[in-house]
Amino acid sequence: MVKYAQNELFSITDFTKQIGSVVNNIKEHSLEKIGILKNNRLEAVVISTDEYERLKALDEEIELAEHTQIYNSVKERMLTSKSEYISMEDMAKKFDIDLDKI
């Protein structure tokens, strides 16, 4: 869970009253993030455009790595000869799975 300093938490009312200065503090990096509270519950987080773009790029890199890993697994499995295939029934027996229950 992300931790927030006291100066990083704003009620939604205070946020709307101070939106200009808060956004400016985020933009100038004097605040990394702010949490917006509604009824004392965290509802939203405001971060700079730079940070959002960095996180989005990181997310895309992770997704690409996952897709690459899946692609490589499928490609490797395609090289497996059919004589090495294991039936679903045999696999279920190996792992003590009752196919009638799934």
PDB file of N, CA and C in Angstrom:
ATOM      1  N   MET A   1       0.834  -1.176   0.000  1.00  0.00           N
ATOM      2  CA  MET A   1       0.000   0.000   0.000  1.00  0.00           C
ATOM      3  C   MET A   1       0.881   1.241   0.000  1.00  0.00           C
ATOM      4  N   VAL A   2       0.481   2.209  -0.765  1.00  0.00           N
ATOM      5  CA  VAL A   2       1.230   3.465  -0.865  1.00  0.00           C
ATOM      6  C   VAL A   2       1.013   4.281   0.405  1.00  0.00           C
ATOM      7  N   LYS A   3       2.086   4.867   0.899  1.00  0.00           N
ATOM      8  CA  LYS A   3       2.002   5.715   2.088  1.00  0.00           C
ATOM      9  C   LYS A   3       1.924   7.175   1.639  1.00  0.00           C
ATOM     10  N   TYR A   4       1.177   7.955   2.396  1.00  0.00           N
ATOM     11  CA  TYR A   4       1.004   9.369   2.102  1.00  0.00           C
ATOM     12  C   TYR A   4       1.437  10.192   3.302  1.00  0.00           C
ATOM     13  N   ALA A   5       2.173  11.275   3.034  1.00  0.00           N
ATOM     14  CA  ALA A   5       2.494  12.235   4.084  1.00  0.00           C
ATOM     15  C   ALA A   5       1.239  13.071   4.332  1.00  0.00           C
ATOM     16  N   GLN A   6       1.178  13.702   5.475  1.00  0.00           N
ATOM     17  CA  GLN A   6       0.001  14.494   5.836  1.00  0.00           C
ATOM     18  C   GLN A   6      -0.297  15.567   4.781  1.00  0.00           C
ATOM     19  N   ASN A   7       0.766  16.189   4.220  1.00  0.00           N
ATOM     20  CA  ASN A   7       0.545  17.256   3.234  1.00  0.00           C
ATOM     21  C   ASN A   7       0.167  16.721   1.852  1.00  0.00           C
ATOM     22  N   GLU A   8       0.086  15.389   1.707  1.00  0.00           N
ATOM     23  CA  GLU A   8      -0.293  14.795   0.425  1.00  0.00           C
ATOM     24  C   GLU A   8      -1.753  14.342   0.396  1.00  0.00           C
ATOM     25  N   LEU A   9      -2.469  14.535   1.494  1.00  0.00           N
ATOM     26  CA  LEU A   9      -3.868  14.119   1.559  1.00  0.00           C
ATOM     27  C   LEU A   9      -4.776  15.339   1.627  1.00  0.00           C
ATOM     28  N   PHE A  10      -5.789  15.341   0.763  1.00  0.00           N
ATOM     29  CA  PHE A  10      -6.729  16.450   0.695  1.00  0.00           C
ATOM     30  C   PHE A  10      -8.145  15.894   0.654  1.00  0.00           C
ATOM     31  N   SER A  11      -9.018  16.526   1.428  1.00  0.00           N
ATOM     32  CA  SER A  11     -10.433  16.198   1.258  1.00  0.00           C
ATOM     33  C   SER A  11     -10.830  16.718  -0.121  1.00  0.00           C
ATOM     34  N   ILE A  12     -11.880  16.163  -0.671  1.00  0.00           N
ATOM     35  CA  ILE A  12     -12.302  16.610  -1.997  1.00  0.00           C
ATOM     36  C   ILE A  12     -12.688  18.091  -1.962  1.00  0.00           C
ATOM     37  N   THR A  13     -13.217  18.540  -0.841  1.00  0.00           N
ATOM     38  CA  THR A  13     -13.582  19.956  -0.699  1.00  0.00           C
ATOM     39  C   THR A  13     -12.346  20.830  -0.723  1.00  0.00           C
ATOM     40  N   ASP A  14     -11.328  20.463   0.080  1.00  0.00           N
ATOM     41  CA  ASP A  14     -10.088  21.245   0.100  1.00  0.00           C
ATOM     42  C   ASP A  14      -9.380  21.194  -1.259  1.00  0.00           C
ATOM     43  N   PHE A  15      -9.425  20.038  -1.896  1.00  0.00           N
ATOM     44  CA  PHE A  15      -8.791  19.913  -3.206  1.00  0.00           C
ATOM     45  C   PHE A  15      -9.435  20.872  -4.206  1.00  0.00           C
ATOM     46  N   THR A  16     -10.745  20.922  -4.237  1.00  0.00           N
ATOM     47  CA  THR A  16     -11.411  21.819  -5.196  1.00  0.00           C
ATOM     48  C   THR A  16     -11.127  23.281  -4.892  1.00  0.00           C
ATOM     49  N   LYS A  17     -10.956  23.613  -3.623  1.00  0.00           N
ATOM     50  CA  LYS A  17     -10.641  24.998  -3.245  1.00  0.00           C
ATOM     51  C   LYS A  17      -9.206  25.372  -3.622  1.00  0.00           C
ATOM     52  N   GLN A  18      -8.298  24.390  -3.595  1.00  0.00           N
ATOM     53  CA  GLN A  18      -6.870  24.673  -3.800  1.00  0.00           C
ATOM     54  C   GLN A  18      -6.321  24.031  -5.072  1.00  0.00           C
ATOM     55  N   ILE A  19      -7.168  23.680  -5.998  1.00  0.00           N
ATOM     56  CA  ILE A  19      -6.743  22.886  -7.157  1.00  0.00           C
ATOM     57  C   ILE A  19      -5.584  23.531  -7.919  1.00  0.00           C
ATOM     58  N   GLY A  20      -5.618  24.841  -8.091  1.00  0.00           N
ATOM     59  CA  GLY A  20      -4.551  25.512  -8.832  1.00  0.00           C
ATOM     60  C   GLY A  20      -3.192  25.334  -8.181  1.00  0.00           C
ATOM     61  N   SER A  21      -3.109  25.602  -6.890  1.00  0.00           N
ATOM     62  CA  SER A  21      -1.812  25.493  -6.205  1.00  0.00           C
ATOM     63  C   SER A  21      -1.373  24.034  -6.068  1.00  0.00           C
ATOM     64  N   VAL A  22      -2.326  23.133  -5.844  1.00  0.00           N
ATOM     65  CA  VAL A  22      -1.982  21.716  -5.703  1.00  0.00           C
ATOM     66  C   VAL A  22      -1.421  21.175  -7.018  1.00  0.00           C
ATOM     67  N   VAL A  23      -2.111  21.461  -8.109  1.00  0.00           N
ATOM     68  CA  VAL A  23      -1.644  20.989  -9.418  1.00  0.00           C
ATOM     69  C   VAL A  23      -0.285  21.606  -9.740  1.00  0.00           C
ATOM     70  N   ASN A  24      -0.081  22.848  -9.381  1.00  0.00           N
ATOM     71  CA  ASN A  24       1.214  23.490  -9.613  1.00  0.00           C
ATOM     72  C   ASN A  24       2.306  22.797  -8.799  1.00  0.00           C
ATOM     73  N   ASN A  25       2.031  22.438  -7.552  1.00  0.00           N
ATOM     74  CA  ASN A  25       3.006  21.720  -6.718  1.00  0.00           C
ATOM     75  C   ASN A  25       3.349  20.362  -7.318  1.00  0.00           C
ATOM     76  N   ILE A  26       2.345  19.682  -7.875  1.00  0.00           N
ATOM     77  CA  ILE A  26       2.594  18.397  -8.546  1.00  0.00           C
ATOM     78  C   ILE A  26       3.468  18.632  -9.781  1.00  0.00           C
ATOM     79  N   LYS A  27       3.113  19.615 -10.566  1.00  0.00           N
ATOM     80  CA  LYS A  27       3.841  19.920 -11.804  1.00  0.00           C
ATOM     81  C   LYS A  27       5.306  20.265 -11.515  1.00  0.00           C
ATOM     82  N   GLU A  28       5.539  21.032 -10.459  1.00  0.00           N
ATOM     83  CA  GLU A  28       6.906  21.442 -10.104  1.00  0.00           C
ATOM     84  C   GLU A  28       7.631  20.395  -9.268  1.00  0.00           C
ATOM     85  N   HIS A  29       6.974  19.272  -8.995  1.00  0.00           N
ATOM     86  CA  HIS A  29       7.538  18.157  -8.235  1.00  0.00           C
ATOM     87  C   HIS A  29       7.847  18.494  -6.779  1.00  0.00           C
ATOM     88  N   SER A  30       7.211  19.532  -6.237  1.00  0.00           N
ATOM     89  CA  SER A  30       7.359  19.760  -4.801  1.00  0.00           C
ATOM     90  C   SER A  30       6.451  18.793  -4.031  1.00  0.00           C
ATOM     91  N   LEU A  31       5.470  18.237  -4.729  1.00  0.00           N
ATOM     92  CA  LEU A  31       4.687  17.105  -4.236  1.00  0.00           C
ATOM     93  C   LEU A  31       4.746  16.017  -5.293  1.00  0.00           C
ATOM     94  N   GLU A  32       5.007  14.793  -4.875  1.00  0.00           N
ATOM     95  CA  GLU A  32       5.077  13.668  -5.812  1.00  0.00           C
ATOM     96  C   GLU A  32       3.688  13.236  -6.247  1.00  0.00           C
ATOM     97  N   LYS A  33       2.783  13.267  -5.278  1.00  0.00           N
ATOM     98  CA  LYS A  33       1.422  12.797  -5.511  1.00  0.00           C
ATOM     99  C   LYS A  33       0.529  13.416  -4.469  1.00  0.00           C
ATOM    100  N   ILE A  34      -0.769  13.386  -4.729  1.00  0.00           N
ATOM    101  CA  ILE A  34      -1.712  13.736  -3.685  1.00  0.00           C
ATOM    102  C   ILE A  34      -2.843  12.722  -3.712  1.00  0.00           C
ATOM    103  N   GLY A  35      -3.351  12.448  -2.545  1.00  0.00           N
ATOM    104  CA  GLY A  35      -4.510  11.574  -2.418  1.00  0.00           C
ATOM    105  C   GLY A  35      -5.726  12.420  -2.122  1.00  0.00           C
ATOM    106  N   ILE A  36      -6.804  12.135  -2.821  1.00  0.00           N
ATOM    107  CA  ILE A  36      -8.046  12.866  -2.609  1.00  0.00           C
ATOM    108  C   ILE A  36      -8.995  11.971  -1.821  1.00  0.00           C
ATOM    109  N   LEU A  37      -9.458  12.503  -0.701  1.00  0.00           N
ATOM    110  CA  LEU A  37     -10.319  11.747   0.200  1.00  0.00           C
ATOM    111  C   LEU A  37     -11.773  12.186   0.056  1.00  0.00           C
ATOM    112  N   LYS A  38     -12.651  11.205   0.076  1.00  0.00           N
ATOM    113  CA  LYS A  38     -14.081  11.481   0.115  1.00  0.00           C
ATOM    114  C   LYS A  38     -14.643  10.625   1.241  1.00  0.00           C
ATOM    115  N   ASN A  39     -15.269  11.274   2.200  1.00  0.00           N
ATOM    116  CA  ASN A  39     -15.763  10.577   3.400  1.00  0.00           C
ATOM    117  C   ASN A  39     -14.642   9.794   4.080  1.00  0.00           C
ATOM    118  N   ASN A  40     -13.456  10.417   4.149  1.00  0.00           N
ATOM    119  CA  ASN A  40     -12.262   9.852   4.790  1.00  0.00           C
ATOM    120  C   ASN A  40     -11.756   8.575   4.130  1.00  0.00           C
ATOM    121  N   ARG A  41     -12.114   8.349   2.882  1.00  0.00           N
ATOM    122  CA  ARG A  41     -11.603   7.202   2.113  1.00  0.00           C
ATOM    123  C   ARG A  41     -10.886   7.716   0.886  1.00  0.00           C
ATOM    124  N   LEU A  42      -9.753   7.119   0.590  1.00  0.00           N
ATOM    125  CA  LEU A  42      -8.990   7.518  -0.585  1.00  0.00           C
ATOM    126  C   LEU A  42      -9.796   7.181  -1.836  1.00  0.00           C
ATOM    127  N   GLU A  43     -10.075   8.187  -2.664  1.00  0.00           N
ATOM    128  CA  GLU A  43     -10.886   8.006  -3.863  1.00  0.00           C
ATOM    129  C   GLU A  43     -10.071   8.149  -5.145  1.00  0.00           C
ATOM    130  N   ALA A  44      -9.037   8.982  -5.104  1.00  0.00           N
ATOM    131  CA  ALA A  44      -8.260   9.230  -6.319  1.00  0.00           C
ATOM    132  C   ALA A  44      -6.865   9.693  -5.927  1.00  0.00           C
ATOM    133  N   VAL A  45      -5.959   9.561  -6.900  1.00  0.00           N
ATOM    134  CA  VAL A  45      -4.586  10.037  -6.725  1.00  0.00           C
ATOM    135  C   VAL A  45      -4.252  10.917  -7.920  1.00  0.00           C
ATOM    136  N   VAL A  46      -3.625  12.035  -7.647  1.00  0.00           N
ATOM    137  CA  VAL A  46      -3.186  12.941  -8.706  1.00  0.00           C
ATOM    138  C   VAL A  46      -1.668  12.871  -8.758  1.00  0.00           C
ATOM    139  N   ILE A  47      -1.150  12.635  -9.965  1.00  0.00           N
ATOM    140  CA  ILE A  47       0.298  12.604 -10.189  1.00  0.00           C
ATOM    141  C   ILE A  47       0.612  13.494 -11.381  1.00  0.00           C
ATOM    142  N   SER A  48       1.884  13.786 -11.566  1.00  0.00           N
ATOM    143  CA  SER A  48       2.281  14.632 -12.689  1.00  0.00           C
ATOM    144  C   SER A  48       2.140  13.870 -14.003  1.00  0.00           C
ATOM    145  N   THR A  49       2.061  14.629 -15.070  1.00  0.00           N
ATOM    146  CA  THR A  49       1.999  14.039 -16.405  1.00  0.00           C
ATOM    147  C   THR A  49       3.241  13.204 -16.670  1.00  0.00           C
ATOM    148  N   ASP A  50       4.399  13.686 -16.249  1.00  0.00           N
ATOM    149  CA  ASP A  50       5.645  12.934 -16.438  1.00  0.00           C
ATOM    150  C   ASP A  50       5.577  11.577 -15.750  1.00  0.00           C
ATOM    151  N   GLU A  51       5.093  11.571 -14.510  1.00  0.00           N
ATOM    152  CA  GLU A  51       4.999  10.324 -13.756  1.00  0.00           C
ATOM    153  C   GLU A  51       3.977   9.382 -14.391  1.00  0.00           C
ATOM    154  N   TYR A  52       2.856   9.934 -14.835  1.00  0.00           N
ATOM    155  CA  TYR A  52       1.845   9.106 -15.495  1.00  0.00           C
ATOM    156  C   TYR A  52       2.419   8.468 -16.751  1.00  0.00           C
ATOM    157  N   GLU A  53       3.114   9.248 -17.562  1.00  0.00           N
ATOM    158  CA  GLU A  53       3.703   8.713 -18.798  1.00  0.00           C
ATOM    159  C   GLU A  53       4.763   7.661 -18.491  1.00  0.00           C
ATOM    160  N   ARG A  54       5.551   7.873 -17.424  1.00  0.00           N
ATOM    161  CA  ARG A  54       6.557   6.883 -17.028  1.00  0.00           C
ATOM    162  C   ARG A  54       5.882   5.577 -16.615  1.00  0.00           C
ATOM    163  N   LEU A  55       4.840   5.678 -15.811  1.00  0.00           N
ATOM    164  CA  LEU A  55       4.117   4.484 -15.366  1.00  0.00           C
ATOM    165  C   LEU A  55       3.433   3.774 -16.530  1.00  0.00           C
ATOM    166  N   LYS A  56       2.874   4.550 -17.450  1.00  0.00           N
ATOM    167  CA  LYS A  56       2.203   3.964 -18.614  1.00  0.00           C
ATOM    168  C   LYS A  56       3.211   3.220 -19.489  1.00  0.00           C
ATOM    169  N   ALA A  57       4.395   3.811 -19.697  1.00  0.00           N
ATOM    170  CA  ALA A  57       5.442   3.161 -20.494  1.00  0.00           C
ATOM    171  C   ALA A  57       5.906   1.879 -19.801  1.00  0.00           C
ATOM    172  N   LEU A  58       6.056   1.920 -18.498  1.00  0.00           N
ATOM    173  CA  LEU A  58       6.455   0.744 -17.731  1.00  0.00           C
ATOM    174  C   LEU A  58       5.404  -0.358 -17.854  1.00  0.00           C
ATOM    175  N   ASP A  59       4.141   0.014 -17.765  1.00  0.00           N
ATOM    176  CA  ASP A  59       3.049  -0.946 -17.919  1.00  0.00           C
ATOM    177  C   ASP A  59       3.088  -1.586 -19.310  1.00  0.00           C
ATOM    178  N   GLU A  60       3.342  -0.781 -20.336  1.00  0.00           N
ATOM    179  CA  GLU A  60       3.417  -1.309 -21.701  1.00  0.00           C
ATOM    180  C   GLU A  60       4.611  -2.241 -21.871  1.00  0.00           C
ATOM    181  N   GLU A  61       5.741  -1.921 -21.226  1.00  0.00           N
ATOM    182  CA  GLU A  61       6.910  -2.797 -21.285  1.00  0.00           C
ATOM    183  C   GLU A  61       6.624  -4.143 -20.621  1.00  0.00           C
ATOM    184  N   ILE A  62       5.954  -4.099 -19.480  1.00  0.00           N
ATOM    185  CA  ILE A  62       5.605  -5.340 -18.775  1.00  0.00           C
ATOM    186  C   ILE A  62       4.654  -6.172 -19.627  1.00  0.00           C
ATOM    187  N   GLU A  63       3.668  -5.521 -20.223  1.00  0.00           N
ATOM    188  CA  GLU A  63       2.718  -6.235 -21.077  1.00  0.00           C
ATOM    189  C   GLU A  63       3.425  -6.861 -22.276  1.00  0.00           C
ATOM    190  N   LEU A  64       4.343  -6.132 -22.887  1.00  0.00           N
ATOM    191  CA  LEU A  64       5.110  -6.665 -24.019  1.00  0.00           C
ATOM    192  C   LEU A  64       5.946  -7.865 -23.573  1.00  0.00           C
ATOM    193  N   ALA A  65       6.566  -7.772 -22.412  1.00  0.00           N
ATOM    194  CA  ALA A  65       7.372  -8.887 -21.902  1.00  0.00           C
ATOM    195  C   ALA A  65       6.499 -10.117 -21.665  1.00  0.00           C
ATOM    196  N   GLU A  66       5.305  -9.905 -21.124  1.00  0.00           N
ATOM    197  CA  GLU A  66       4.389 -11.028 -20.899  1.00  0.00           C
ATOM    198  C   GLU A  66       3.978 -11.659 -22.223  1.00  0.00           C
ATOM    199  N   HIS A  67       3.656 -10.829 -23.209  1.00  0.00           N
ATOM    200  CA  HIS A  67       3.255 -11.352 -24.516  1.00  0.00           C
ATOM    201  C   HIS A  67       4.409 -12.097 -25.182  1.00  0.00           C
ATOM    202  N   THR A  68       5.608 -11.565 -25.030  1.00  0.00           N
ATOM    203  CA  THR A  68       6.791 -12.220 -25.594  1.00  0.00           C
ATOM    204  C   THR A  68       7.003 -13.576 -24.934  1.00  0.00           C
ATOM    205  N   GLN A  69       6.836 -13.633 -23.631  1.00  0.00           N
ATOM    206  CA  GLN A  69       6.998 -14.893 -22.907  1.00  0.00           C
ATOM    207  C   GLN A  69       5.949 -15.908 -23.360  1.00  0.00           C
ATOM    208  N   ILE A  70       4.710 -15.477 -23.525  1.00  0.00           N
ATOM    209  CA  ILE A  70       3.653 -16.378 -23.993  1.00  0.00           C
ATOM    210  C   ILE A  70       3.968 -16.850 -25.412  1.00  0.00           C
ATOM    211  N   TYR A  71       4.382 -15.929 -26.271  1.00  0.00           N
ATOM    212  CA  TYR A  71       4.723 -16.283 -27.644  1.00  0.00           C
ATOM    213  C   TYR A  71       5.840 -17.324 -27.666  1.00  0.00           C
ATOM    214  N   ASN A  72       6.880 -17.106 -26.876  1.00  0.00           N
ATOM    215  CA  ASN A  72       8.001 -18.044 -26.843  1.00  0.00           C
ATOM    216  C   ASN A  72       7.579 -19.411 -26.310  1.00  0.00           C
ATOM    217  N   SER A  73       6.678 -19.433 -25.328  1.00  0.00           N
ATOM    218  CA  SER A  73       6.181 -20.710 -24.796  1.00  0.00           C
ATOM    219  C   SER A  73       5.397 -21.463 -25.863  1.00  0.00           C
ATOM    220  N   VAL A  74       4.535 -20.753 -26.579  1.00  0.00           N
ATOM    221  CA  VAL A  74       3.746 -21.388 -27.632  1.00  0.00           C
ATOM    222  C   VAL A  74       4.662 -21.895 -28.739  1.00  0.00           C
ATOM    223  N   LYS A  75       5.626 -21.077 -29.120  1.00  0.00           N
ATOM    224  CA  LYS A  75       6.568 -21.464 -30.175  1.00  0.00           C
ATOM    225  C   LYS A  75       7.343 -22.725 -29.772  1.00  0.00           C
ATOM    226  N   GLU A  76       7.778 -22.778 -28.524  1.00  0.00           N
ATOM    227  CA  GLU A  76       8.518 -23.937 -28.018  1.00  0.00           C
ATOM    228  C   GLU A  76       7.623 -25.178 -28.006  1.00  0.00           C
ATOM    229  N   ARG A  77       6.388 -25.009 -27.589  1.00  0.00           N
ATOM    230  CA  ARG A  77       5.462 -26.142 -27.529  1.00  0.00           C
ATOM    231  C   ARG A  77       5.129 -26.668 -28.916  1.00  0.00           C
ATOM    232  N   MET A  78       5.171 -25.802 -29.911  1.00  0.00           N
ATOM    233  CA  MET A  78       4.886 -26.239 -31.275  1.00  0.00           C
ATOM    234  C   MET A  78       5.965 -27.197 -31.785  1.00  0.00           C
ATOM    235  N   LEU A  79       7.128 -27.157 -31.174  1.00  0.00           N
ATOM    236  CA  LEU A  79       8.221 -28.044 -31.563  1.00  0.00           C
ATOM    237  C   LEU A  79       8.110 -29.417 -30.914  1.00  0.00           C
ATOM    238  N   THR A  80       7.209 -29.551 -29.959  1.00  0.00           N
ATOM    239  CA  THR A  80       7.005 -30.832 -29.281  1.00  0.00           C
ATOM    240  C   THR A  80       6.308 -31.794 -30.233  1.00  0.00           C
ATOM    241  N   SER A  81       6.871 -32.989 -30.366  1.00  0.00           N
ATOM    242  CA  SER A  81       6.249 -33.961 -31.267  1.00  0.00           C
ATOM    243  C   SER A  81       4.953 -34.476 -30.636  1.00  0.00           C
ATOM    244  N   LYS A  82       4.022 -34.834 -31.480  1.00  0.00           N
ATOM    245  CA  LYS A  82       2.711 -35.283 -30.993  1.00  0.00           C
ATOM    246  C   LYS A  82       2.821 -36.546 -30.145  1.00  0.00           C
ATOM    247  N   SER A  83       3.874 -37.303 -30.327  1.00  0.00           N
ATOM    248  CA  SER A  83       4.039 -38.521 -29.517  1.00  0.00           C
ATOM    249  C   SER A  83       4.303 -38.181 -28.045  1.00  0.00           C
ATOM    250  N   GLU A  84       4.725 -36.966 -27.774  1.00  0.00           N
ATOM    251  CA  GLU A  84       4.986 -36.542 -26.398  1.00  0.00           C
ATOM    252  C   GLU A  84       3.761 -35.902 -25.743  1.00  0.00           C
ATOM    253  N   TYR A  85       2.692 -35.718 -26.501  1.00  0.00           N
ATOM    254  CA  TYR A  85       1.479 -35.118 -25.946  1.00  0.00           C
ATOM    255  C   TYR A  85       0.912 -36.009 -24.851  1.00  0.00           C
ATOM    256  N   ILE A  86       0.298 -35.396 -23.874  1.00  0.00           N
ATOM    257  CA  ILE A  86      -0.353 -36.117 -22.785  1.00  0.00           C
ATOM    258  C   ILE A  86      -1.837 -35.754 -22.843  1.00  0.00           C
ATOM    259  N   SER A  87      -2.671 -36.745 -22.772  1.00  0.00           N
ATOM    260  CA  SER A  87      -4.107 -36.482 -22.826  1.00  0.00           C
ATOM    261  C   SER A  87      -4.551 -35.752 -21.567  1.00  0.00           C
ATOM    262  N   MET A  88      -5.678 -35.079 -21.680  1.00  0.00           N
ATOM    263  CA  MET A  88      -6.211 -34.369 -20.529  1.00  0.00           C
ATOM    264  C   MET A  88      -6.552 -35.353 -19.408  1.00  0.00           C
ATOM    265  N   GLU A  89      -7.061 -36.520 -19.775  1.00  0.00           N
ATOM    266  CA  GLU A  89      -7.415 -37.527 -18.781  1.00  0.00           C
ATOM    267  C   GLU A  89      -6.178 -38.001 -18.025  1.00  0.00           C
ATOM    268  N   ASP A  90      -5.081 -38.249 -18.761  1.00  0.00           N
ATOM    269  CA  ASP A  90      -3.836 -38.679 -18.110  1.00  0.00           C
ATOM    270  C   ASP A  90      -3.269 -37.579 -17.215  1.00  0.00           C
ATOM    271  N   MET A  91      -3.370 -36.341 -17.676  1.00  0.00           N
ATOM    272  CA  MET A  91      -2.875 -35.217 -16.875  1.00  0.00           C
ATOM    273  C   MET A  91      -3.715 -35.080 -15.602  1.00  0.00           C
ATOM    274  N   ALA A  92      -5.015 -35.250 -15.731  1.00  0.00           N
ATOM    275  CA  ALA A  92      -5.892 -35.174 -14.558  1.00  0.00           C
ATOM    276  C   ALA A  92      -5.540 -36.265 -13.559  1.00  0.00           C
ATOM    277  N   LYS A  93      -5.294 -37.470 -14.048  1.00  0.00           N
ATOM    278  CA  LYS A  93      -4.902 -38.562 -13.153  1.00  0.00           C
ATOM    279  C   LYS A  93      -3.590 -38.241 -12.449  1.00  0.00           C
ATOM    280  N   LYS A  94      -2.637 -37.711 -13.207  1.00  0.00           N
ATOM    281  CA  LYS A  94      -1.315 -37.393 -12.647  1.00  0.00           C
ATOM    282  C   LYS A  94      -1.434 -36.419 -11.472  1.00  0.00           C
ATOM    283  N   PHE A  95      -2.352 -35.465 -11.592  1.00  0.00           N
ATOM    284  CA  PHE A  95      -2.501 -34.455 -10.547  1.00  0.00           C
ATOM    285  C   PHE A  95      -3.727 -34.697  -9.663  1.00  0.00           C
ATOM    286  N   ASP A  96      -4.271 -35.934  -9.750  1.00  0.00           N
ATOM    287  CA  ASP A  96      -5.409 -36.341  -8.911  1.00  0.00           C
ATOM    288  C   ASP A  96      -6.577 -35.344  -9.008  1.00  0.00           C
ATOM    289  N   ILE A  97      -6.973 -35.049 -10.245  1.00  0.00           N
ATOM    290  CA  ILE A  97      -8.082 -34.141 -10.509  1.00  0.00           C
ATOM    291  C   ILE A  97      -9.255 -34.951 -11.061  1.00  0.00           C
ATOM    292  N   ASP A  98     -10.421 -34.748 -10.479  1.00  0.00           N
ATOM    293  CA  ASP A  98     -11.624 -35.417 -10.938  1.00  0.00           C
ATOM    294  C   ASP A  98     -12.259 -34.531 -12.008  1.00  0.00           C
ATOM    295  N   LEU A  99     -12.187 -34.941 -13.259  1.00  0.00           N
ATOM    296  CA  LEU A  99     -12.696 -34.139 -14.366  1.00  0.00           C
ATOM    297  C   LEU A  99     -14.208 -33.940 -14.302  1.00  0.00           C
ATOM    298  N   ASP A 100     -14.915 -34.816 -13.636  1.00  0.00           N
ATOM    299  CA  ASP A 100     -16.366 -34.680 -13.525  1.00  0.00           C
ATOM    300  C   ASP A 100     -16.757 -33.524 -12.593  1.00  0.00           C
ATOM    301  N   LYS A 101     -15.804 -33.099 -11.772  1.00  0.00           N
ATOM    302  CA  LYS A 101     -16.097 -32.024 -10.812  1.00  0.00           C
ATOM    303  C   LYS A 101     -15.738 -30.654 -11.347  1.00  0.00           C
ATOM    304  N   ILE A 102     -15.114 -30.605 -12.510  1.00  0.00           N
ATOM    305  CA  ILE A 102     -14.757 -29.284 -13.048  1.00  0.00           C
ATOM    306  C   ILE A 102     -15.581 -28.925 -14.244  1.00  0.00           C
TER     307      ILE A 102
END
